[in-house]
Amino acid sequence: MKDETKETIRIVLIMLFAFALLVLGNLGNNAFRESDVADQERVERYEDRSESAQNAVSELESGLSDVAEQMHGVGKEIDEGITDVGELREVGVRIAGASSDIEDSACRIEEGIQRIERILYEAEKKDCVLEDCGGGAGSSNSD
């Protein structure tokens, strides 16, 4: 197996040497110069495409940055909205408590009015009884 590996290495080295000779032999050849021009054109196209790709990436980064800022702003607005909803809930609880207090006060006022009406009714009844009892004396004094 070692002999096969050595033989494979020798063949590879010979092929590399032959390739190097071909490359060196073609340095002065017009075909190499034409290839060089074609390679130069490819390099220029690559540079143009690379520049276009870099510009596209820059625009994409800028767009993503704008989107990130907008998302951050939306997040802040959502937080503020949640805070506002919490505050409105607290106000609603206070209003409900105040409404209950107002209802209790209205009940007490109504009870007070009913007591006053009973007192007035009782006073009118007593006044009628007094007028009936002292009707003759009261009518002679008023003439």
C-alpha atoms as a PDB file:
ATOM      1  CA  MET A   1       0.000   0.000   0.000  1.00  0.00           C
ATOM      2  CA  LYS A   2       2.897   2.360   0.703  1.00  0.00           C
ATOM      3  CA  ASP A   3       4.246   1.708  -2.764  1.00  0.00           C
ATOM      4  CA  GLU A   4       0.902   2.708  -4.296  1.00  0.00           C
ATOM      5  CA  THR A   5       0.862   5.916  -2.256  1.00  0.00           C
ATOM      6  CA  LYS A   6       4.420   6.770  -3.298  1.00  0.00           C
ATOM      7  CA  GLU A   7       3.561   6.102  -6.938  1.00  0.00           C
ATOM      8  CA  THR A   8       0.442   8.324  -6.678  1.00  0.00           C
ATOM      9  CA  ILE A   9       2.511  11.132  -5.156  1.00  0.00           C
ATOM     10  CA  ARG A  10       5.080  10.835  -7.960  1.00  0.00           C
ATOM     11  CA  ILE A  11       2.371  11.049 -10.614  1.00  0.00           C
ATOM     12  CA  VAL A  12       0.831  14.091  -8.949  1.00  0.00           C
ATOM     13  CA  LEU A  13       4.227  15.815  -8.724  1.00  0.00           C
ATOM     14  CA  ILE A  14       4.956  15.110 -12.383  1.00  0.00           C
ATOM     15  CA  MET A  15       1.565  16.492 -13.381  1.00  0.00           C
ATOM     16  CA  LEU A  16       2.150  19.623 -11.287  1.00  0.00           C
ATOM     17  CA  PHE A  17       5.554  20.101 -12.894  1.00  0.00           C
ATOM     18  CA  ALA A  18       4.040  19.696 -16.361  1.00  0.00           C
ATOM     19  CA  PHE A  19       1.305  22.199 -15.517  1.00  0.00           C
ATOM     20  CA  ALA A  20       3.910  24.677 -14.290  1.00  0.00           C
ATOM     21  CA  LEU A  21       5.832  24.297 -17.551  1.00  0.00           C
ATOM     22  CA  LEU A  22       2.684  24.907 -19.576  1.00  0.00           C
ATOM     23  CA  VAL A  23       1.863  28.024 -17.601  1.00  0.00           C
ATOM     24  CA  LEU A  24       5.384  29.385 -17.965  1.00  0.00           C
ATOM     25  CA  GLY A  25       5.392  28.538 -21.652  1.00  0.00           C
ATOM     26  CA  ASN A  26       2.184  30.453 -22.262  1.00  0.00           C
ATOM     27  CA  LEU A  27       3.305  33.641 -20.531  1.00  0.00           C
ATOM     28  CA  GLY A  28       4.504  35.149 -23.759  1.00  0.00           C
ATOM     29  CA  ASN A  29       1.669  33.757 -25.824  1.00  0.00           C
ATOM     30  CA  ASN A  30      -1.085  36.028 -27.231  1.00  0.00           C
ATOM     31  CA  ALA A  31      -3.686  33.633 -25.980  1.00  0.00           C
ATOM     32  CA  PHE A  32      -2.490  34.352 -22.470  1.00  0.00           C
ATOM     33  CA  ARG A  33      -2.763  38.069 -23.162  1.00  0.00           C
ATOM     34  CA  GLU A  34      -6.294  37.638 -24.491  1.00  0.00           C
ATOM     35  CA  SER A  35      -7.068  35.556 -21.453  1.00  0.00           C
ATOM     36  CA  ASP A  36      -5.594  38.333 -19.324  1.00  0.00           C
ATOM     37  CA  VAL A  37      -7.907  40.864 -21.019  1.00  0.00           C
ATOM     38  CA  ALA A  38     -10.877  38.555 -20.495  1.00  0.00           C
ATOM     39  CA  ASP A  39      -9.817  38.085 -16.892  1.00  0.00           C
ATOM     40  CA  GLN A  40      -9.550  41.866 -16.506  1.00  0.00           C
ATOM     41  CA  GLU A  41     -13.066  42.255 -17.880  1.00  0.00           C
ATOM     42  CA  ARG A  42     -14.301  39.597 -15.460  1.00  0.00           C
ATOM     43  CA  VAL A  43     -12.564  41.364 -12.596  1.00  0.00           C
ATOM     44  CA  GLU A  44     -14.217  44.654 -13.580  1.00  0.00           C
ATOM     45  CA  ARG A  45     -17.622  42.989 -13.817  1.00  0.00           C
ATOM     46  CA  TYR A  46     -17.002  41.344 -10.445  1.00  0.00           C
ATOM     47  CA  GLU A  47     -16.033  44.704  -8.929  1.00  0.00           C
ATOM     48  CA  ASP A  48     -19.163  46.331 -10.406  1.00  0.00           C
ATOM     49  CA  ARG A  49     -21.360  43.548  -9.089  1.00  0.00           C
ATOM     50  CA  SER A  50     -19.591  43.642  -5.760  1.00  0.00           C
ATOM     51  CA  GLU A  51     -20.158  47.389  -5.524  1.00  0.00           C
ATOM     52  CA  SER A  52     -23.815  46.939  -6.482  1.00  0.00           C
ATOM     53  CA  ALA A  53     -24.172  44.232  -3.855  1.00  0.00           C
ATOM     54  CA  GLN A  54     -22.535  46.462  -1.238  1.00  0.00           C
ATOM     55  CA  ASN A  55     -24.895  49.307  -2.168  1.00  0.00           C
ATOM     56  CA  ALA A  56     -27.875  46.963  -1.922  1.00  0.00           C
ATOM     57  CA  VAL A  57     -26.673  45.744   1.476  1.00  0.00           C
ATOM     58  CA  SER A  58     -26.202  49.346   2.641  1.00  0.00           C
ATOM     59  CA  GLU A  59     -29.728  50.233   1.525  1.00  0.00           C
ATOM     60  CA  LEU A  60     -31.065  47.123   3.215  1.00  0.00           C
ATOM     61  CA  GLU A  61     -29.239  47.982   6.439  1.00  0.00           C
ATOM     62  CA  SER A  62     -30.635  51.508   6.293  1.00  0.00           C
ATOM     63  CA  GLY A  63     -34.140  50.163   5.693  1.00  0.00           C
ATOM     64  CA  LEU A  64     -33.786  47.675   8.529  1.00  0.00           C
ATOM     65  CA  SER A  65     -32.530  50.434  10.792  1.00  0.00           C
ATOM     66  CA  ASP A  66     -35.600  52.518   9.929  1.00  0.00           C
ATOM     67  CA  VAL A  67     -37.874  49.544  10.577  1.00  0.00           C
ATOM     68  CA  ALA A  68     -36.135  48.896  13.894  1.00  0.00           C
ATOM     69  CA  GLU A  69     -36.684  52.531  14.919  1.00  0.00           C
ATOM     70  CA  GLN A  70     -40.337  52.341  13.903  1.00  0.00           C
ATOM     71  CA  MET A  71     -40.805  49.089  15.831  1.00  0.00           C
ATOM     72  CA  HIS A  72     -39.177  50.692  18.876  1.00  0.00           C
ATOM     73  CA  GLY A  73     -41.582  53.643  18.556  1.00  0.00           C
ATOM     74  CA  VAL A  74     -44.545  51.286  18.216  1.00  0.00           C
ATOM     75  CA  GLY A  75     -43.353  49.410  21.312  1.00  0.00           C
ATOM     76  CA  LYS A  76     -43.260  52.660  23.272  1.00  0.00           C
ATOM     77  CA  GLU A  77     -46.757  53.576  22.081  1.00  0.00           C
ATOM     78  CA  ILE A  78     -48.050  50.162  23.100  1.00  0.00           C
ATOM     79  CA  ASP A  79     -46.485  50.564  26.551  1.00  0.00           C
ATOM     80  CA  GLU A  80     -48.070  54.014  26.872  1.00  0.00           C
ATOM     81  CA  GLY A  81     -51.411  52.605  25.722  1.00  0.00           C
ATOM     82  CA  ILE A  82     -51.216  49.863  28.328  1.00  0.00           C
ATOM     83  CA  THR A  83     -50.394  52.461  30.971  1.00  0.00           C
ATOM     84  CA  ASP A  84     -53.344  54.601  29.811  1.00  0.00           C
ATOM     85  CA  VAL A  85     -55.673  51.606  29.986  1.00  0.00           C
ATOM     86  CA  GLY A  86     -54.490  50.909  33.533  1.00  0.00           C
ATOM     87  CA  GLU A  87     -55.072  54.516  34.508  1.00  0.00           C
ATOM     88  CA  LEU A  88     -58.544  54.471  32.926  1.00  0.00           C
ATOM     89  CA  ARG A  89     -59.328  51.320  34.878  1.00  0.00           C
ATOM     90  CA  GLU A  90     -58.326  53.064  38.100  1.00  0.00           C
ATOM     91  CA  VAL A  91     -60.487  56.071  37.187  1.00  0.00           C
ATOM     92  CA  GLY A  92     -63.386  53.709  36.460  1.00  0.00           C
ATOM     93  CA  VAL A  93     -62.962  52.084  39.863  1.00  0.00           C
ATOM     94  CA  ARG A  94     -62.928  55.525  41.523  1.00  0.00           C
ATOM     95  CA  ILE A  95     -66.034  56.587  39.579  1.00  0.00           C
ATOM     96  CA  ALA A  96     -67.808  53.374  40.569  1.00  0.00           C
ATOM     97  CA  GLY A  97     -66.877  54.023  44.210  1.00  0.00           C
ATOM     98  CA  ALA A  98     -68.041  57.627  43.973  1.00  0.00           C
ATOM     99  CA  SER A  99     -71.263  56.492  42.303  1.00  0.00           C
ATOM    100  CA  SER A 100     -71.873  54.089  45.161  1.00  0.00           C
ATOM    101  CA  ASP A 101     -71.205  56.888  47.668  1.00  0.00           C
ATOM    102  CA  ILE A 102     -73.593  59.185  45.770  1.00  0.00           C
ATOM    103  CA  GLU A 103     -76.251  56.472  45.758  1.00  0.00           C
ATOM    104  CA  ASP A 104     -75.844  56.004  49.518  1.00  0.00           C
ATOM    105  CA  SER A 105     -76.071  59.775  50.056  1.00  0.00           C
ATOM    106  CA  ALA A 106     -79.175  59.987  47.859  1.00  0.00           C
ATOM    107  CA  CYS A 107     -80.793  57.215  49.926  1.00  0.00           C
ATOM    108  CA  ARG A 108     -80.009  59.072  53.162  1.00  0.00           C
ATOM    109  CA  ILE A 109     -81.408  62.328  51.705  1.00  0.00           C
ATOM    110  CA  GLU A 110     -84.544  60.514  50.571  1.00  0.00           C
ATOM    111  CA  GLU A 111     -84.977  58.975  54.034  1.00  0.00           C
ATOM    112  CA  GLY A 112     -84.515  62.444  55.566  1.00  0.00           C
ATOM    113  CA  ILE A 113     -87.143  63.925  53.231  1.00  0.00           C
ATOM    114  CA  GLN A 114     -89.555  61.110  54.109  1.00  0.00           C
ATOM    115  CA  ARG A 115     -89.001  61.771  57.834  1.00  0.00           C
ATOM    116  CA  ILE A 116     -89.647  65.496  57.295  1.00  0.00           C
ATOM    117  CA  GLU A 117     -92.814  64.675  55.343  1.00  0.00           C
ATOM    118  CA  ARG A 118     -93.994  62.412  58.206  1.00  0.00           C
ATOM    119  CA  ILE A 119     -93.252  65.141  60.731  1.00  0.00           C
ATOM    120  CA  LEU A 120     -95.151  67.684  58.629  1.00  0.00           C
ATOM    121  CA  TYR A 121     -98.020  65.233  58.194  1.00  0.00           C
ATOM    122  CA  GLU A 122     -98.112  64.591  61.943  1.00  0.00           C
ATOM    123  CA  ALA A 123     -97.937  68.358  62.585  1.00  0.00           C
ATOM    124  CA  GLU A 124    -100.799  68.990  60.167  1.00  0.00           C
ATOM    125  CA  LYS A 125    -102.862  66.277  61.856  1.00  0.00           C
ATOM    126  CA  LYS A 126    -102.225  67.831  65.246  1.00  0.00           C
ATOM    127  CA  ASP A 127    -103.003  71.280  63.871  1.00  0.00           C
ATOM    128  CA  CYS A 128    -106.317  70.008  62.468  1.00  0.00           C
ATOM    129  CA  VAL A 129    -107.183  68.429  65.787  1.00  0.00           C
ATOM    130  CA  LEU A 130    -106.329  71.678  67.590  1.00  0.00           C
ATOM    131  CA  GLU A 131    -108.435  73.713  65.206  1.00  0.00           C
ATOM    132  CA  ASP A 132    -111.359  71.376  65.702  1.00  0.00           C
ATOM    133  CA  CYS A 133    -111.013  71.556  69.442  1.00  0.00           C
ATOM    134  CA  GLY A 134    -110.742  75.303  69.721  1.00  0.00           C
ATOM    135  CA  GLY A 135    -112.795  76.155  66.670  1.00  0.00           C
ATOM    136  CA  GLY A 136    -115.125  78.653  68.414  1.00  0.00           C
ATOM    137  CA  ALA A 137    -112.405  80.549  70.161  1.00  0.00           C
ATOM    138  CA  GLY A 138    -110.207  80.661  67.132  1.00  0.00           C
ATOM    139  CA  SER A 139    -112.941  81.966  64.861  1.00  0.00           C
ATOM    140  CA  SER A 140    -114.028  84.739  67.225  1.00  0.00           C
ATOM    141  CA  ASN A 141    -110.460  85.982  67.579  1.00  0.00           C
ATOM    142  CA  SER A 142    -109.921  86.146  63.853  1.00  0.00           C
ATOM    143  CA  ASP A 143    -113.082  88.263  63.127  1.00  0.00           C
END
